[in-house]
Amino acid sequence: MGFIKEFKEFAIKGNAFDLAVGVIVGAAFGKIVTSIIDDLIMPIVAAIVSKPDFSSVYFAIGKGSELIPKGSSLAKAKVIAPDAAIFAYGNFITIAINFLLLAFIVFLMVKSINKLKNKQAEDPKIVASSTDTLLSEIRDELRKKTKQTH
């Protein structure tokens, strides 16, 4: 019976519940950030660069690469020359750009949240409770006594 009670405490009151909430909120947050990148930022990149999706950019070398017509899609190139060494570096570029944009957006969000937290911490309207004030005074007195004896 103790095992079941212990598991119940772990699952409901412990870190597992906090973790589950974090995963759910994180998944929702991930969708928001993905939407910001895909729906707001990538169209701007597309307007500047003219092609934000580099996943079809490649070059081929080796046997059969000469059979691939210029301007062929990656999928078509793989069909035309299955023995050619096709370096599809464009997908890496797309993923790297998406990662950098994602990291930058998360950085800006965390920075703004920290700024709000710091502003709240410095708010003069927040007054320490009488218990906090009393404990601070006791701590200060104990420090004075410790310094006097040494």
N, C-alpha and C. Protein backbone atom coordinates (compact mmCIF):
# COMPACT_ATOMS: atom_id res chain seq x y z
N MET A 1 0.83 -1.20 0.00
CA MET A 1 0.00 0.00 0.00
C MET A 1 0.87 1.26 0.00
N GLY A 2 2.05 1.23 0.64
CA GLY A 2 2.94 2.38 0.69
C GLY A 2 3.46 2.76 -0.68
N PHE A 3 3.67 1.77 -1.53
CA PHE A 3 4.18 2.02 -2.88
C PHE A 3 3.19 2.84 -3.70
N ILE A 4 1.92 2.48 -3.61
CA ILE A 4 0.88 3.19 -4.35
C ILE A 4 0.76 4.63 -3.86
N LYS A 5 0.82 4.81 -2.56
CA LYS A 5 0.74 6.16 -1.99
C LYS A 5 1.94 6.99 -2.44
N GLU A 6 3.12 6.37 -2.41
CA GLU A 6 4.34 7.06 -2.82
C GLU A 6 4.27 7.46 -4.29
N PHE A 7 3.77 6.54 -5.14
CA PHE A 7 3.64 6.85 -6.56
C PHE A 7 2.62 7.97 -6.78
N LYS A 8 1.53 7.93 -6.04
CA LYS A 8 0.49 8.96 -6.17
C LYS A 8 1.07 10.33 -5.81
N GLU A 9 1.85 10.40 -4.75
CA GLU A 9 2.47 11.66 -4.37
C GLU A 9 3.44 12.13 -5.44
N PHE A 10 4.20 11.19 -6.01
CA PHE A 10 5.15 11.54 -7.07
C PHE A 10 4.41 12.08 -8.30
N ALA A 11 3.37 11.38 -8.71
CA ALA A 11 2.67 11.73 -9.95
C ALA A 11 1.86 13.01 -9.83
N ILE A 12 1.27 13.24 -8.68
CA ILE A 12 0.37 14.39 -8.53
C ILE A 12 1.07 15.60 -7.91
N LYS A 13 1.82 15.39 -6.87
CA LYS A 13 2.42 16.51 -6.15
C LYS A 13 3.85 16.78 -6.54
N GLY A 14 4.51 15.82 -7.12
CA GLY A 14 5.94 15.94 -7.38
C GLY A 14 6.29 16.61 -8.68
N ASN A 15 7.50 16.35 -9.11
CA ASN A 15 8.03 16.97 -10.31
C ASN A 15 7.36 16.48 -11.58
N ALA A 16 6.77 15.30 -11.57
CA ALA A 16 6.15 14.77 -12.78
C ALA A 16 5.02 15.67 -13.25
N PHE A 17 4.22 16.17 -12.32
CA PHE A 17 3.12 17.06 -12.69
C PHE A 17 3.66 18.37 -13.25
N ASP A 18 4.67 18.93 -12.59
CA ASP A 18 5.28 20.16 -13.07
C ASP A 18 5.87 19.96 -14.46
N LEU A 19 6.50 18.82 -14.67
CA LEU A 19 7.08 18.51 -15.96
C LEU A 19 6.00 18.40 -17.03
N ALA A 20 4.90 17.74 -16.71
CA ALA A 20 3.81 17.60 -17.67
C ALA A 20 3.25 18.96 -18.07
N VAL A 21 3.07 19.83 -17.10
CA VAL A 21 2.59 21.18 -17.39
C VAL A 21 3.60 21.91 -18.28
N GLY A 22 4.88 21.77 -17.96
CA GLY A 22 5.92 22.41 -18.76
C GLY A 22 5.94 21.92 -20.20
N VAL A 23 5.75 20.62 -20.39
CA VAL A 23 5.74 20.05 -21.74
C VAL A 23 4.55 20.58 -22.53
N ILE A 24 3.38 20.64 -21.89
CA ILE A 24 2.18 21.12 -22.58
C ILE A 24 2.32 22.59 -22.95
N VAL A 25 2.77 23.40 -22.01
CA VAL A 25 2.96 24.83 -22.29
C VAL A 25 4.06 25.01 -23.34
N GLY A 26 5.13 24.21 -23.24
CA GLY A 26 6.22 24.29 -24.21
C GLY A 26 5.76 23.94 -25.61
N ALA A 27 4.90 22.94 -25.75
CA ALA A 27 4.38 22.56 -27.06
C ALA A 27 3.54 23.69 -27.65
N ALA A 28 2.72 24.30 -26.83
CA ALA A 28 1.90 25.42 -27.31
C ALA A 28 2.78 26.61 -27.69
N PHE A 29 3.80 26.87 -26.88
CA PHE A 29 4.73 27.96 -27.15
C PHE A 29 5.49 27.68 -28.45
N GLY A 30 5.85 26.41 -28.67
CA GLY A 30 6.55 26.03 -29.89
C GLY A 30 5.72 26.32 -31.13
N LYS A 31 4.42 26.09 -31.04
CA LYS A 31 3.53 26.38 -32.17
C LYS A 31 3.48 27.88 -32.45
N ILE A 32 3.49 28.68 -31.39
CA ILE A 32 3.47 30.14 -31.57
C ILE A 32 4.74 30.60 -32.26
N VAL A 33 5.88 30.11 -31.78
CA VAL A 33 7.16 30.52 -32.36
C VAL A 33 7.27 30.04 -33.80
N THR A 34 6.82 28.82 -34.09
CA THR A 34 6.84 28.31 -35.46
C THR A 34 5.97 29.17 -36.36
N SER A 35 4.82 29.58 -35.88
CA SER A 35 3.95 30.46 -36.66
C SER A 35 4.60 31.81 -36.90
N ILE A 36 5.26 32.35 -35.90
CA ILE A 36 5.96 33.64 -36.08
C ILE A 36 7.00 33.52 -37.19
N ILE A 37 7.75 32.42 -37.16
CA ILE A 37 8.80 32.25 -38.18
C ILE A 37 8.18 32.01 -39.55
N ASP A 38 7.27 31.03 -39.64
CA ASP A 38 6.72 30.63 -40.94
C ASP A 38 5.80 31.69 -41.54
N ASP A 39 4.99 32.35 -40.71
CA ASP A 39 3.96 33.24 -41.22
C ASP A 39 4.36 34.71 -41.25
N LEU A 40 5.32 35.10 -40.41
CA LEU A 40 5.68 36.50 -40.35
C LEU A 40 7.09 36.80 -40.86
N ILE A 41 8.05 35.99 -40.47
CA ILE A 41 9.45 36.30 -40.80
C ILE A 41 9.86 35.74 -42.16
N MET A 42 9.52 34.49 -42.44
CA MET A 42 9.95 33.89 -43.70
C MET A 42 9.40 34.61 -44.93
N PRO A 43 8.18 35.15 -44.91
CA PRO A 43 7.75 35.95 -46.07
C PRO A 43 8.65 37.18 -46.30
N ILE A 44 9.13 37.78 -45.21
CA ILE A 44 10.05 38.92 -45.35
C ILE A 44 11.37 38.44 -45.95
N VAL A 45 11.87 37.30 -45.46
CA VAL A 45 13.10 36.73 -46.01
C VAL A 45 12.88 36.39 -47.48
N ALA A 46 11.71 35.86 -47.82
CA ALA A 46 11.40 35.53 -49.21
C ALA A 46 11.41 36.77 -50.09
N ALA A 47 10.92 37.88 -49.56
CA ALA A 47 10.91 39.11 -50.33
C ALA A 47 12.32 39.64 -50.56
N ILE A 48 13.20 39.44 -49.59
CA ILE A 48 14.58 39.92 -49.70
C ILE A 48 15.43 38.98 -50.54
N VAL A 49 15.39 37.69 -50.21
CA VAL A 49 16.25 36.70 -50.84
C VAL A 49 15.61 36.10 -52.08
N SER A 50 14.32 36.16 -52.17
CA SER A 50 13.48 35.62 -53.24
C SER A 50 13.23 34.13 -53.15
N LYS A 51 13.94 33.42 -52.28
CA LYS A 51 13.69 31.98 -52.14
C LYS A 51 14.13 31.53 -50.74
N PRO A 52 13.20 31.57 -49.74
CA PRO A 52 13.62 31.20 -48.40
C PRO A 52 13.78 29.70 -48.19
N ASP A 53 13.25 28.90 -49.13
CA ASP A 53 13.36 27.45 -48.99
C ASP A 53 14.46 26.97 -49.93
N PHE A 54 15.59 26.64 -49.35
CA PHE A 54 16.74 26.21 -50.13
C PHE A 54 16.84 24.69 -50.22
N SER A 55 15.80 23.98 -49.80
CA SER A 55 15.88 22.53 -49.70
C SER A 55 16.12 21.83 -51.03
N SER A 56 15.85 22.49 -52.15
CA SER A 56 16.09 21.85 -53.45
C SER A 56 17.42 22.25 -54.07
N VAL A 57 18.24 22.98 -53.35
CA VAL A 57 19.55 23.39 -53.86
C VAL A 57 20.53 22.24 -53.65
N TYR A 58 21.25 21.90 -54.70
CA TYR A 58 22.16 20.75 -54.65
C TYR A 58 23.21 20.89 -55.73
N PHE A 59 24.21 20.02 -55.65
CA PHE A 59 25.10 19.82 -56.79
C PHE A 59 25.44 18.34 -56.84
N ALA A 60 25.67 17.87 -58.06
CA ALA A 60 25.92 16.45 -58.27
C ALA A 60 27.29 16.26 -58.91
N ILE A 61 27.96 15.19 -58.49
CA ILE A 61 29.24 14.84 -59.09
C ILE A 61 29.27 13.33 -59.30
N GLY A 62 30.20 12.91 -60.09
CA GLY A 62 30.38 11.47 -60.28
C GLY A 62 29.54 10.90 -61.39
N LYS A 63 29.44 9.60 -61.39
CA LYS A 63 28.78 8.82 -62.44
C LYS A 63 27.32 9.24 -62.62
N GLY A 64 26.98 9.65 -63.82
CA GLY A 64 25.60 10.01 -64.14
C GLY A 64 25.25 11.46 -63.89
N SER A 65 26.12 12.23 -63.25
CA SER A 65 25.78 13.62 -62.94
C SER A 65 25.62 14.47 -64.19
N GLU A 66 26.29 14.08 -65.27
CA GLU A 66 26.19 14.84 -66.52
C GLU A 66 24.81 14.67 -67.19
N LEU A 67 24.06 13.67 -66.76
CA LEU A 67 22.73 13.43 -67.34
C LEU A 67 21.66 14.36 -66.76
N ILE A 68 21.95 15.00 -65.65
CA ILE A 68 20.97 15.85 -64.97
C ILE A 68 20.89 17.21 -65.68
N PRO A 69 19.72 17.56 -66.22
CA PRO A 69 19.59 18.87 -66.87
C PRO A 69 19.68 20.00 -65.85
N LYS A 70 20.24 21.11 -66.29
CA LYS A 70 20.33 22.29 -65.41
C LYS A 70 18.95 22.72 -64.96
N GLY A 71 18.83 23.06 -63.70
CA GLY A 71 17.55 23.54 -63.17
C GLY A 71 16.60 22.43 -62.74
N SER A 72 17.06 21.18 -62.78
CA SER A 72 16.20 20.07 -62.35
C SER A 72 16.02 20.11 -60.83
N SER A 73 14.85 19.67 -60.40
CA SER A 73 14.60 19.60 -58.97
C SER A 73 15.44 18.49 -58.36
N LEU A 74 15.59 18.54 -57.05
CA LEU A 74 16.38 17.52 -56.35
C LEU A 74 15.78 16.14 -56.55
N ALA A 75 14.47 16.04 -56.44
CA ALA A 75 13.81 14.74 -56.60
C ALA A 75 14.03 14.20 -58.01
N LYS A 76 13.94 15.07 -59.00
CA LYS A 76 14.14 14.65 -60.39
C LYS A 76 15.60 14.23 -60.61
N ALA A 77 16.52 14.96 -60.04
CA ALA A 77 17.95 14.62 -60.18
C ALA A 77 18.25 13.25 -59.59
N LYS A 78 17.64 12.93 -58.47
CA LYS A 78 17.86 11.63 -57.85
C LYS A 78 17.30 10.49 -58.71
N VAL A 79 16.22 10.77 -59.44
CA VAL A 79 15.63 9.75 -60.31
C VAL A 79 16.47 9.58 -61.58
N ILE A 80 16.90 10.72 -62.16
CA ILE A 80 17.66 10.67 -63.41
C ILE A 80 19.03 10.02 -63.21
N ALA A 81 19.69 10.38 -62.11
CA ALA A 81 21.05 9.87 -61.87
C ALA A 81 21.14 9.26 -60.47
N PRO A 82 20.60 8.05 -60.31
CA PRO A 82 20.59 7.43 -58.99
C PRO A 82 21.99 7.07 -58.48
N ASP A 83 22.96 6.93 -59.39
CA ASP A 83 24.32 6.57 -58.98
C ASP A 83 25.20 7.78 -58.70
N ALA A 84 24.73 8.97 -59.05
CA ALA A 84 25.52 10.19 -58.85
C ALA A 84 25.56 10.55 -57.37
N ALA A 85 26.66 11.17 -56.98
CA ALA A 85 26.76 11.69 -55.61
C ALA A 85 26.11 13.06 -55.60
N ILE A 86 24.95 13.15 -54.97
CA ILE A 86 24.19 14.40 -54.95
C ILE A 86 24.29 15.00 -53.55
N PHE A 87 24.92 16.17 -53.49
CA PHE A 87 25.08 16.88 -52.23
C PHE A 87 23.94 17.89 -52.10
N ALA A 88 22.95 17.53 -51.32
CA ALA A 88 21.76 18.37 -51.14
C ALA A 88 21.98 19.28 -49.93
N TYR A 89 22.85 20.24 -50.09
CA TYR A 89 23.22 21.14 -48.99
C TYR A 89 22.14 22.19 -48.71
N GLY A 90 21.21 22.37 -49.61
CA GLY A 90 20.18 23.40 -49.43
C GLY A 90 19.28 23.16 -48.24
N ASN A 91 18.95 21.90 -47.96
CA ASN A 91 18.11 21.59 -46.80
C ASN A 91 18.80 22.00 -45.51
N PHE A 92 20.12 21.78 -45.45
CA PHE A 92 20.88 22.20 -44.27
C PHE A 92 20.81 23.71 -44.11
N ILE A 93 20.93 24.44 -45.20
CA ILE A 93 20.86 25.91 -45.14
C ILE A 93 19.49 26.35 -44.62
N THR A 94 18.42 25.74 -45.13
CA THR A 94 17.07 26.08 -44.68
C THR A 94 16.91 25.82 -43.19
N ILE A 95 17.36 24.66 -42.73
CA ILE A 95 17.23 24.31 -41.31
C ILE A 95 18.08 25.24 -40.45
N ALA A 96 19.28 25.58 -40.92
CA ALA A 96 20.15 26.49 -40.16
C ALA A 96 19.52 27.88 -40.04
N ILE A 97 18.93 28.38 -41.13
CA ILE A 97 18.27 29.69 -41.08
C ILE A 97 17.09 29.65 -40.13
N ASN A 98 16.29 28.59 -40.21
CA ASN A 98 15.15 28.46 -39.30
C ASN A 98 15.60 28.40 -37.86
N PHE A 99 16.70 27.68 -37.58
CA PHE A 99 17.22 27.60 -36.22
C PHE A 99 17.67 28.97 -35.72
N LEU A 100 18.41 29.69 -36.55
CA LEU A 100 18.88 31.02 -36.14
C LEU A 100 17.72 31.97 -35.88
N LEU A 101 16.72 31.92 -36.74
CA LEU A 101 15.54 32.78 -36.52
C LEU A 101 14.82 32.39 -35.24
N LEU A 102 14.65 31.10 -35.03
CA LEU A 102 13.99 30.61 -33.82
C LEU A 102 14.76 31.03 -32.58
N ALA A 103 16.07 30.83 -32.59
CA ALA A 103 16.90 31.20 -31.44
C ALA A 103 16.83 32.70 -31.18
N PHE A 104 16.82 33.50 -32.24
CA PHE A 104 16.75 34.95 -32.08
C PHE A 104 15.42 35.39 -31.49
N ILE A 105 14.33 34.79 -31.96
CA ILE A 105 13.01 35.15 -31.44
C ILE A 105 12.88 34.74 -29.98
N VAL A 106 13.33 33.54 -29.65
CA VAL A 106 13.27 33.10 -28.25
C VAL A 106 14.13 34.01 -27.39
N PHE A 107 15.31 34.40 -27.89
CA PHE A 107 16.17 35.32 -27.15
C PHE A 107 15.46 36.64 -26.87
N LEU A 108 14.80 37.19 -27.89
CA LEU A 108 14.08 38.45 -27.69
C LEU A 108 12.93 38.31 -26.70
N MET A 109 12.24 37.17 -26.76
CA MET A 109 11.12 36.95 -25.83
C MET A 109 11.64 36.82 -24.40
N VAL A 110 12.69 36.04 -24.20
CA VAL A 110 13.24 35.87 -22.85
C VAL A 110 13.78 37.19 -22.33
N LYS A 111 14.45 37.94 -23.21
CA LYS A 111 14.98 39.24 -22.80
C LYS A 111 13.87 40.19 -22.35
N SER A 112 12.77 40.22 -23.10
CA SER A 112 11.67 41.12 -22.72
C SER A 112 10.98 40.65 -21.44
N ILE A 113 10.86 39.34 -21.25
CA ILE A 113 10.26 38.83 -20.02
C ILE A 113 11.15 39.16 -18.82
N ASN A 114 12.47 38.99 -18.97
CA ASN A 114 13.39 39.34 -17.89
C ASN A 114 13.33 40.83 -17.57
N LYS A 115 13.17 41.66 -18.60
CA LYS A 115 13.07 43.09 -18.38
C LYS A 115 11.82 43.41 -17.56
N LEU A 116 10.71 42.73 -17.87
CA LEU A 116 9.47 42.93 -17.10
C LEU A 116 9.65 42.47 -15.66
N LYS A 117 10.31 41.33 -15.47
CA LYS A 117 10.54 40.83 -14.11
C LYS A 117 11.40 41.80 -13.32
N ASN A 118 12.45 42.32 -13.94
CA ASN A 118 13.33 43.27 -13.25
C ASN A 118 12.58 44.55 -12.90
N LYS A 119 11.70 44.98 -13.79
CA LYS A 119 10.92 46.19 -13.53
C LYS A 119 10.00 45.97 -12.33
N GLN A 120 9.40 44.77 -12.24
CA GLN A 120 8.54 44.45 -11.11
C GLN A 120 9.35 44.37 -9.82
N ALA A 121 10.55 43.83 -9.89
CA ALA A 121 11.39 43.69 -8.69
C ALA A 121 11.82 45.06 -8.16
N GLU A 122 12.00 46.02 -9.06
CA GLU A 122 12.42 47.36 -8.66
C GLU A 122 11.25 48.27 -8.31
N ASP A 123 10.04 47.77 -8.42
CA ASP A 123 8.84 48.57 -8.18
C ASP A 123 8.79 49.01 -6.72
N PRO A 124 8.79 50.30 -6.45
CA PRO A 124 8.77 50.78 -5.07
C PRO A 124 7.44 50.51 -4.37
N LYS A 125 6.40 50.19 -5.12
CA LYS A 125 5.10 49.90 -4.52
C LYS A 125 5.13 48.60 -3.73
N ILE A 126 6.10 47.73 -4.09
CA ILE A 126 6.22 46.45 -3.39
C ILE A 126 7.03 46.69 -2.12
N VAL A 127 6.37 46.59 -1.00
CA VAL A 127 7.01 46.85 0.29
C VAL A 127 7.20 45.52 1.01
N ALA A 128 8.36 45.38 1.63
CA ALA A 128 8.63 44.15 2.38
C ALA A 128 7.65 44.04 3.55
N SER A 129 7.25 42.82 3.84
CA SER A 129 6.33 42.61 4.96
C SER A 129 7.06 42.89 6.27
N SER A 130 6.29 43.05 7.34
CA SER A 130 6.91 43.33 8.64
C SER A 130 7.78 42.16 9.09
N THR A 131 7.40 40.94 8.74
CA THR A 131 8.20 39.77 9.09
C THR A 131 9.54 39.82 8.37
N ASP A 132 9.52 40.17 7.08
CA ASP A 132 10.77 40.27 6.32
C ASP A 132 11.66 41.37 6.89
N THR A 133 11.06 42.49 7.24
CA THR A 133 11.83 43.59 7.81
C THR A 133 12.46 43.18 9.13
N LEU A 134 11.68 42.51 9.98
CA LEU A 134 12.18 42.07 11.28
C LEU A 134 13.32 41.06 11.11
N LEU A 135 13.15 40.12 10.22
CA LEU A 135 14.20 39.12 9.98
C LEU A 135 15.46 39.78 9.44
N SER A 136 15.31 40.77 8.58
CA SER A 136 16.48 41.49 8.06
C SER A 136 17.22 42.22 9.18
N GLU A 137 16.47 42.81 10.09
CA GLU A 137 17.09 43.51 11.22
C GLU A 137 17.83 42.54 12.13
N ILE A 138 17.24 41.38 12.40
CA ILE A 138 17.89 40.36 13.23
C ILE A 138 19.18 39.89 12.56
N ARG A 139 19.11 39.64 11.25
CA ARG A 139 20.30 39.22 10.50
C ARG A 139 21.40 40.26 10.60
N ASP A 140 21.04 41.52 10.44
CA ASP A 140 22.03 42.59 10.50
C ASP A 140 22.67 42.68 11.89
N GLU A 141 21.87 42.52 12.94
CA GLU A 141 22.40 42.55 14.31
C GLU A 141 23.35 41.38 14.56
N LEU A 142 22.99 40.21 14.06
CA LEU A 142 23.86 39.03 14.23
C LEU A 142 25.18 39.24 13.49
N ARG A 143 25.16 39.86 12.34
CA ARG A 143 26.39 40.15 11.61
C ARG A 143 27.28 41.12 12.40
N LYS A 144 26.65 42.13 13.01
CA LYS A 144 27.41 43.09 13.81
C LYS A 144 28.09 42.40 14.97
N LYS A 145 27.35 41.51 15.67
CA LYS A 145 27.92 40.80 16.81
C LYS A 145 29.04 39.88 16.40
N THR A 146 28.88 39.24 15.26
CA THR A 146 29.92 38.32 14.76
C THR A 146 31.18 39.09 14.43
N LYS A 147 31.05 40.28 13.85
CA LYS A 147 32.21 41.10 13.51
C LYS A 147 32.91 41.61 14.76
N GLN A 148 32.13 41.92 15.80
CA GLN A 148 32.72 42.44 17.05
C GLN A 148 33.52 41.38 17.78
N THR A 149 33.10 40.14 17.71
CA THR A 149 33.81 39.07 18.44
C THR A 149 35.06 38.62 17.70
N HIS A 150 35.20 38.93 16.43
CA HIS A 150 36.39 38.49 15.67
C HIS A 150 37.36 39.58 15.53
